[in-house]
Amino acid sequence: MKKKMLLSACAASLLALTLAGCTQSTAQQADYIGADAAKAIALEAAGIGEADAAFTSAELESRNNTVYYEVDFTAGGQEYDYDIDALTGTVIQHSQKAADDGAAANANTGGTAAANAAVSEDRAREIALEHAGLTADQVTFIRSHLDYDDGRQCYDVEFYTADYKEYDYEIDAATGDVISYDYDAEGYQGQGQSGGTSAITADRAKEIALAEVPGASASDIYEFETDRDDGRLEYEGTIYYDGTEYEFTIDGYSGAIRDWDVEHHHR
């Protein structure tokens, strides 16, 4: 009897572990350690202080079903490349080599690209969150690093919400201005015809888009078309108004904005 009870207990334990594993796999994306933690782990592994490192990237990547952060930085005339497991924080692999002349010069001057920027990385994140109407505890950051756009230094800030709506911002590193931003409702499920919801008209879709650009009129829409995504009706178009280009995708049934991309053009 005791032997049977022991076997039953073992079987129950194995089943519980299996179910826990399944549950964990569905929630993995929300459990990523984040780019900041990956940076800290890479610096600790390299024995480099944060003030001595110039980060060039800390981006989420995937290879062989493993999701990881690719963290690259320069310090002391050396380039470091670390792959950090996005779930566990384990260093998967790393490499080190002599930096090129430009990177070495930056490291030898005792400064970093971030230190030379008037706007800090943390402030760039705050600006993006304020613009999106969100708070830090409502999002998971995928990346936030310095980059260059048409010779201008800017921060590329990308994050997603609990329902997997993705936001991608370019923030001017000198002024803090939003250069461009993109909103993508990845997890959005629009209702199709099977749901009994009537489709909105093209004119209504244009009104919804124009409402997001105060002062713009129908004459400012220079591209517009009807499309279908997996059988779902949607409207796509572009508004150009006051030196700014707005690209949009609107669900053809609910009228919800599924994609919104804004780019300010230089004058």
Protein backbone atom coordinates (compact mmCIF):
# COMPACT_ATOMS: atom_id res chain seq x y z
CA MET A 1 0.00 0.00 0.00
CA LYS A 2 2.78 2.42 0.94
CA LYS A 3 4.55 1.60 -2.32
CA LYS A 4 1.43 2.40 -4.34
CA MET A 5 0.92 5.65 -2.45
CA LEU A 6 4.54 6.61 -3.10
CA LEU A 7 4.19 5.88 -6.82
CA SER A 8 0.99 7.91 -6.96
CA ALA A 9 2.67 10.82 -5.20
CA CYS A 10 5.58 10.72 -7.65
CA ALA A 11 3.21 10.65 -10.61
CA ALA A 12 1.29 13.60 -9.21
CA SER A 13 4.52 15.53 -8.71
CA LEU A 14 5.62 14.86 -12.28
CA LEU A 15 2.24 15.99 -13.59
CA ALA A 16 2.41 19.16 -11.53
CA LEU A 17 5.89 19.91 -12.86
CA THR A 18 4.74 19.32 -16.43
CA LEU A 19 1.74 21.63 -16.02
CA ALA A 20 3.92 24.25 -14.37
CA GLY A 21 6.30 24.05 -17.32
CA CYS A 22 3.46 24.62 -19.77
CA THR A 23 2.16 27.59 -17.80
CA GLN A 24 5.63 29.05 -17.58
CA SER A 25 6.18 28.80 -21.34
CA THR A 26 3.08 30.90 -22.05
CA ALA A 27 4.21 33.61 -19.64
CA GLN A 28 7.87 33.72 -20.57
CA GLN A 29 7.73 36.94 -22.55
CA ALA A 30 6.44 38.83 -19.52
CA ASP A 31 9.26 37.38 -17.40
CA TYR A 32 12.22 38.74 -19.38
CA ILE A 33 14.84 40.34 -17.16
CA GLY A 34 14.94 43.55 -19.23
CA ALA A 35 17.70 45.37 -21.08
CA ASP A 36 18.97 47.22 -17.99
CA ALA A 37 19.46 44.00 -16.03
CA ALA A 38 21.20 42.41 -19.04
CA LYS A 39 23.59 45.38 -19.22
CA ALA A 40 24.39 45.09 -15.52
CA ILE A 41 25.06 41.36 -15.85
CA ALA A 42 27.39 41.91 -18.81
CA LEU A 43 29.34 44.63 -16.98
CA GLU A 44 29.70 42.47 -13.88
CA ALA A 45 30.91 39.52 -15.96
CA ALA A 46 33.47 41.74 -17.69
CA GLY A 47 34.53 43.44 -14.47
CA ILE A 48 33.79 46.86 -15.95
CA GLY A 49 32.19 49.79 -14.14
CA GLU A 50 29.13 51.42 -15.68
CA ALA A 51 30.85 54.82 -15.86
CA ASP A 52 33.68 53.33 -17.92
CA ALA A 53 31.49 51.63 -20.55
CA ALA A 54 29.99 53.02 -23.75
CA PHE A 55 27.02 50.86 -24.76
CA THR A 56 26.29 50.49 -28.47
CA SER A 57 23.34 48.09 -28.17
CA ALA A 58 21.27 46.00 -25.78
CA GLU A 59 18.71 44.35 -28.01
CA LEU A 60 16.41 41.37 -27.73
CA GLU A 61 17.33 38.58 -30.15
CA SER A 62 16.38 34.92 -30.70
CA ARG A 63 18.40 31.94 -31.89
CA ASN A 64 17.64 28.20 -31.75
CA ASN A 65 14.47 28.86 -29.71
CA THR A 66 16.49 30.79 -27.12
CA VAL A 67 15.62 34.43 -26.50
CA TYR A 68 18.52 36.56 -25.30
CA TYR A 69 19.81 40.12 -25.02
CA GLU A 70 22.75 40.99 -27.25
CA VAL A 71 24.72 43.51 -25.21
CA ASP A 72 27.62 45.35 -26.89
CA PHE A 73 29.81 47.99 -25.28
CA THR A 74 33.28 49.52 -25.45
CA ALA A 75 35.64 50.11 -22.52
CA GLY A 76 39.38 50.69 -22.19
CA GLY A 77 39.98 50.36 -25.92
CA GLN A 78 38.22 46.99 -26.06
CA GLU A 79 34.90 45.94 -27.60
CA TYR A 80 32.76 43.52 -25.57
CA ASP A 81 29.91 41.41 -26.93
CA TYR A 82 27.70 39.49 -24.48
CA ASP A 83 24.65 37.29 -25.09
CA ILE A 84 22.51 37.18 -21.93
CA ASP A 85 19.61 34.72 -21.54
CA ALA A 86 16.43 36.84 -21.42
CA LEU A 87 14.77 34.63 -18.81
CA THR A 88 17.57 33.52 -16.49
CA GLY A 89 20.22 36.21 -16.92
CA THR A 90 22.83 33.56 -17.68
CA VAL A 91 25.76 34.58 -19.88
CA ILE A 92 25.35 32.35 -22.94
CA GLN A 93 28.50 33.50 -24.68
CA HIS A 94 30.80 36.49 -24.88
CA SER A 95 33.70 37.85 -26.90
CA GLN A 96 36.25 40.63 -26.57
CA LYS A 97 38.48 42.34 -29.13
CA ALA A 98 40.39 45.55 -29.68
CA ALA A 99 38.07 48.44 -30.50
CA ASP A 100 38.31 50.26 -33.81
CA ASP A 101 39.92 53.71 -33.83
CA GLY A 102 36.66 55.61 -33.40
CA ALA A 103 35.43 53.53 -30.50
CA ALA A 104 38.84 53.49 -28.85
CA ALA A 105 39.12 57.27 -29.10
CA ASN A 106 35.77 57.65 -27.40
CA ALA A 107 36.78 55.28 -24.59
CA ASN A 108 40.19 56.94 -24.09
CA THR A 109 38.65 60.37 -23.63
CA GLY A 110 36.97 58.99 -20.53
CA GLY A 111 33.50 59.67 -21.91
CA THR A 112 30.67 57.63 -23.31
CA ALA A 113 28.19 58.40 -26.04
CA ALA A 114 25.50 58.60 -23.39
CA ALA A 115 27.56 60.99 -21.26
CA ASN A 116 27.93 63.35 -24.23
CA ALA A 117 24.18 63.44 -24.83
CA ALA A 118 22.21 66.25 -23.18
CA VAL A 119 19.32 63.84 -22.55
CA SER A 120 20.06 60.70 -20.52
CA GLU A 121 18.80 57.25 -21.44
CA ASP A 122 16.50 57.23 -18.40
CA ARG A 123 15.05 60.59 -19.41
CA ALA A 124 14.52 59.35 -22.97
CA ARG A 125 12.49 56.47 -21.56
CA GLU A 126 10.45 58.87 -19.45
CA ILE A 127 9.74 61.07 -22.48
CA ALA A 128 8.54 58.08 -24.50
CA LEU A 129 6.32 56.85 -21.66
CA GLU A 130 4.84 60.32 -21.09
CA HIS A 131 4.07 60.63 -24.80
CA ALA A 132 2.40 57.20 -24.82
CA GLY A 133 0.42 58.00 -21.66
CA LEU A 134 1.94 55.05 -19.80
CA THR A 135 4.02 54.48 -16.65
CA ALA A 136 7.12 52.35 -16.17
CA ASP A 137 5.23 49.67 -14.22
CA GLN A 138 2.82 49.20 -17.14
CA VAL A 139 5.47 48.25 -19.72
CA THR A 140 8.42 45.99 -20.39
CA PHE A 141 11.35 47.64 -22.17
CA ILE A 142 12.84 45.73 -25.09
CA ARG A 143 15.61 48.19 -25.86
CA SER A 144 16.78 51.75 -25.29
CA HIS A 145 20.11 52.77 -26.77
CA LEU A 146 21.84 55.60 -28.56
CA ASP A 147 21.77 55.58 -32.34
CA TYR A 148 22.14 58.00 -35.25
CA ASP A 149 19.42 59.17 -37.62
CA ASP A 150 20.57 61.33 -40.55
CA GLY A 151 23.67 62.28 -38.56
CA ARG A 152 21.63 63.23 -35.50
CA GLN A 153 22.19 61.41 -32.19
CA CYS A 154 18.99 59.88 -30.87
CA TYR A 155 17.67 57.21 -28.54
CA ASP A 156 15.80 54.21 -29.93
CA VAL A 157 13.32 53.28 -27.19
CA GLU A 158 11.07 50.24 -27.63
CA PHE A 159 8.68 48.67 -25.14
CA TYR A 160 5.44 46.68 -24.93
CA THR A 161 2.45 46.54 -22.58
CA ALA A 162 0.90 43.56 -20.79
CA ASP A 163 -1.48 43.00 -23.72
CA TYR A 164 1.52 43.10 -26.11
CA LYS A 165 0.93 46.46 -27.73
CA GLU A 166 4.32 47.58 -29.01
CA TYR A 167 5.69 51.12 -29.00
CA ASP A 168 8.86 52.26 -30.77
CA TYR A 169 10.23 55.79 -30.24
CA GLU A 170 13.13 57.86 -31.55
CA ILE A 171 14.05 60.59 -29.06
CA ASP A 172 16.47 63.40 -29.95
CA ALA A 173 19.43 63.03 -27.56
CA ALA A 174 20.15 66.76 -27.61
CA THR A 175 16.66 68.24 -27.17
CA GLY A 176 14.45 65.38 -25.94
CA ASP A 177 12.06 65.92 -28.85
CA VAL A 178 10.15 62.94 -30.23
CA ILE A 179 11.60 62.46 -33.74
CA SER A 180 9.29 59.60 -34.64
CA TYR A 181 7.16 56.96 -32.98
CA ASP A 182 5.29 53.83 -33.91
CA TYR A 183 2.38 52.09 -32.21
CA ASP A 184 1.53 48.51 -33.13
CA ALA A 185 -1.37 46.65 -31.51
CA GLU A 186 0.22 43.20 -31.84
CA GLY A 187 -2.23 41.53 -29.50
CA TYR A 188 -5.28 43.28 -30.85
CA GLN A 189 -8.06 41.03 -32.12
CA GLY A 190 -10.50 42.96 -34.29
CA GLN A 191 -13.96 41.57 -34.88
CA GLY A 192 -14.66 40.09 -38.27
CA GLN A 193 -17.86 39.65 -40.13
CA SER A 194 -18.49 36.40 -38.25
CA GLY A 195 -18.86 38.49 -35.10
CA GLY A 196 -21.89 40.24 -36.56
CA THR A 197 -20.26 43.68 -36.51
CA SER A 198 -20.82 45.90 -39.54
CA ALA A 199 -17.81 47.29 -41.36
CA ILE A 200 -17.11 51.00 -41.12
CA THR A 201 -16.86 53.00 -44.33
CA ALA A 202 -13.65 54.34 -45.84
CA ASP A 203 -14.83 57.89 -45.10
CA ARG A 204 -15.30 56.98 -41.43
CA ALA A 205 -11.80 55.49 -41.30
CA LYS A 206 -10.40 58.74 -42.71
CA GLU A 207 -12.27 60.74 -40.07
CA ILE A 208 -10.78 58.57 -37.31
CA ALA A 209 -7.26 59.09 -38.64
CA LEU A 210 -7.69 62.84 -39.19
CA ALA A 211 -9.00 63.24 -35.62
CA GLU A 212 -5.49 62.29 -34.45
CA VAL A 213 -3.94 65.18 -36.41
CA PRO A 214 -5.53 68.48 -35.34
CA GLY A 215 -5.81 70.90 -38.25
CA ALA A 216 -5.45 68.26 -40.98
CA SER A 217 -8.18 67.73 -43.55
CA ALA A 218 -9.08 65.12 -46.15
CA SER A 219 -6.89 66.93 -48.69
CA ASP A 220 -3.86 66.08 -46.53
CA ILE A 221 -4.41 62.34 -47.04
CA TYR A 222 -2.23 61.47 -50.03
CA GLU A 223 -2.35 57.66 -49.76
CA PHE A 224 -5.33 55.53 -48.81
CA GLU A 225 -6.35 51.95 -49.58
CA THR A 226 -8.52 49.09 -48.42
CA ASP A 227 -6.74 45.90 -47.44
CA ARG A 228 -7.34 42.59 -45.70
CA ASP A 229 -5.15 40.98 -43.04
CA ASP A 230 -5.97 37.29 -42.44
CA GLY A 231 -9.41 37.97 -43.87
CA ARG A 232 -10.01 41.00 -41.65
CA LEU A 233 -10.91 44.29 -43.33
CA GLU A 234 -8.62 47.22 -42.60
CA TYR A 235 -7.86 50.65 -44.03
CA GLU A 236 -4.33 51.92 -44.59
CA GLY A 237 -3.23 55.40 -45.44
CA THR A 238 -0.79 58.28 -45.03
CA ILE A 239 -1.40 61.84 -43.90
CA TYR A 240 1.16 64.56 -44.59
CA TYR A 241 0.55 67.72 -42.59
CA ASP A 242 2.74 70.56 -41.31
CA GLY A 243 6.02 68.81 -42.09
CA THR A 244 5.02 65.54 -40.43
CA GLU A 245 4.09 62.22 -42.01
CA TYR A 246 1.52 59.95 -40.33
CA GLU A 247 1.02 56.37 -41.50
CA PHE A 248 -1.97 54.50 -40.13
CA THR A 249 -3.85 51.20 -40.20
CA ILE A 250 -7.44 51.17 -38.95
CA ASP A 251 -9.53 48.09 -38.22
CA GLY A 252 -12.41 47.94 -40.70
CA TYR A 253 -14.97 46.79 -38.14
CA SER A 254 -14.22 48.43 -34.79
CA GLY A 255 -12.48 51.54 -36.11
CA ALA A 256 -9.58 50.94 -33.72
CA ILE A 257 -6.18 52.26 -34.78
CA ARG A 258 -3.98 49.18 -35.11
CA ASP A 259 -0.82 50.92 -36.35
CA TRP A 260 0.24 54.55 -36.06
CA ASP A 261 3.64 55.70 -37.30
CA VAL A 262 4.75 59.33 -37.09
CA GLU A 263 7.87 60.89 -38.61
CA HIS A 264 8.85 64.55 -38.44
CA HIS A 265 10.65 65.75 -41.56
CA HIS A 266 13.43 68.31 -41.48
CA ARG A 267 12.61 71.68 -43.04
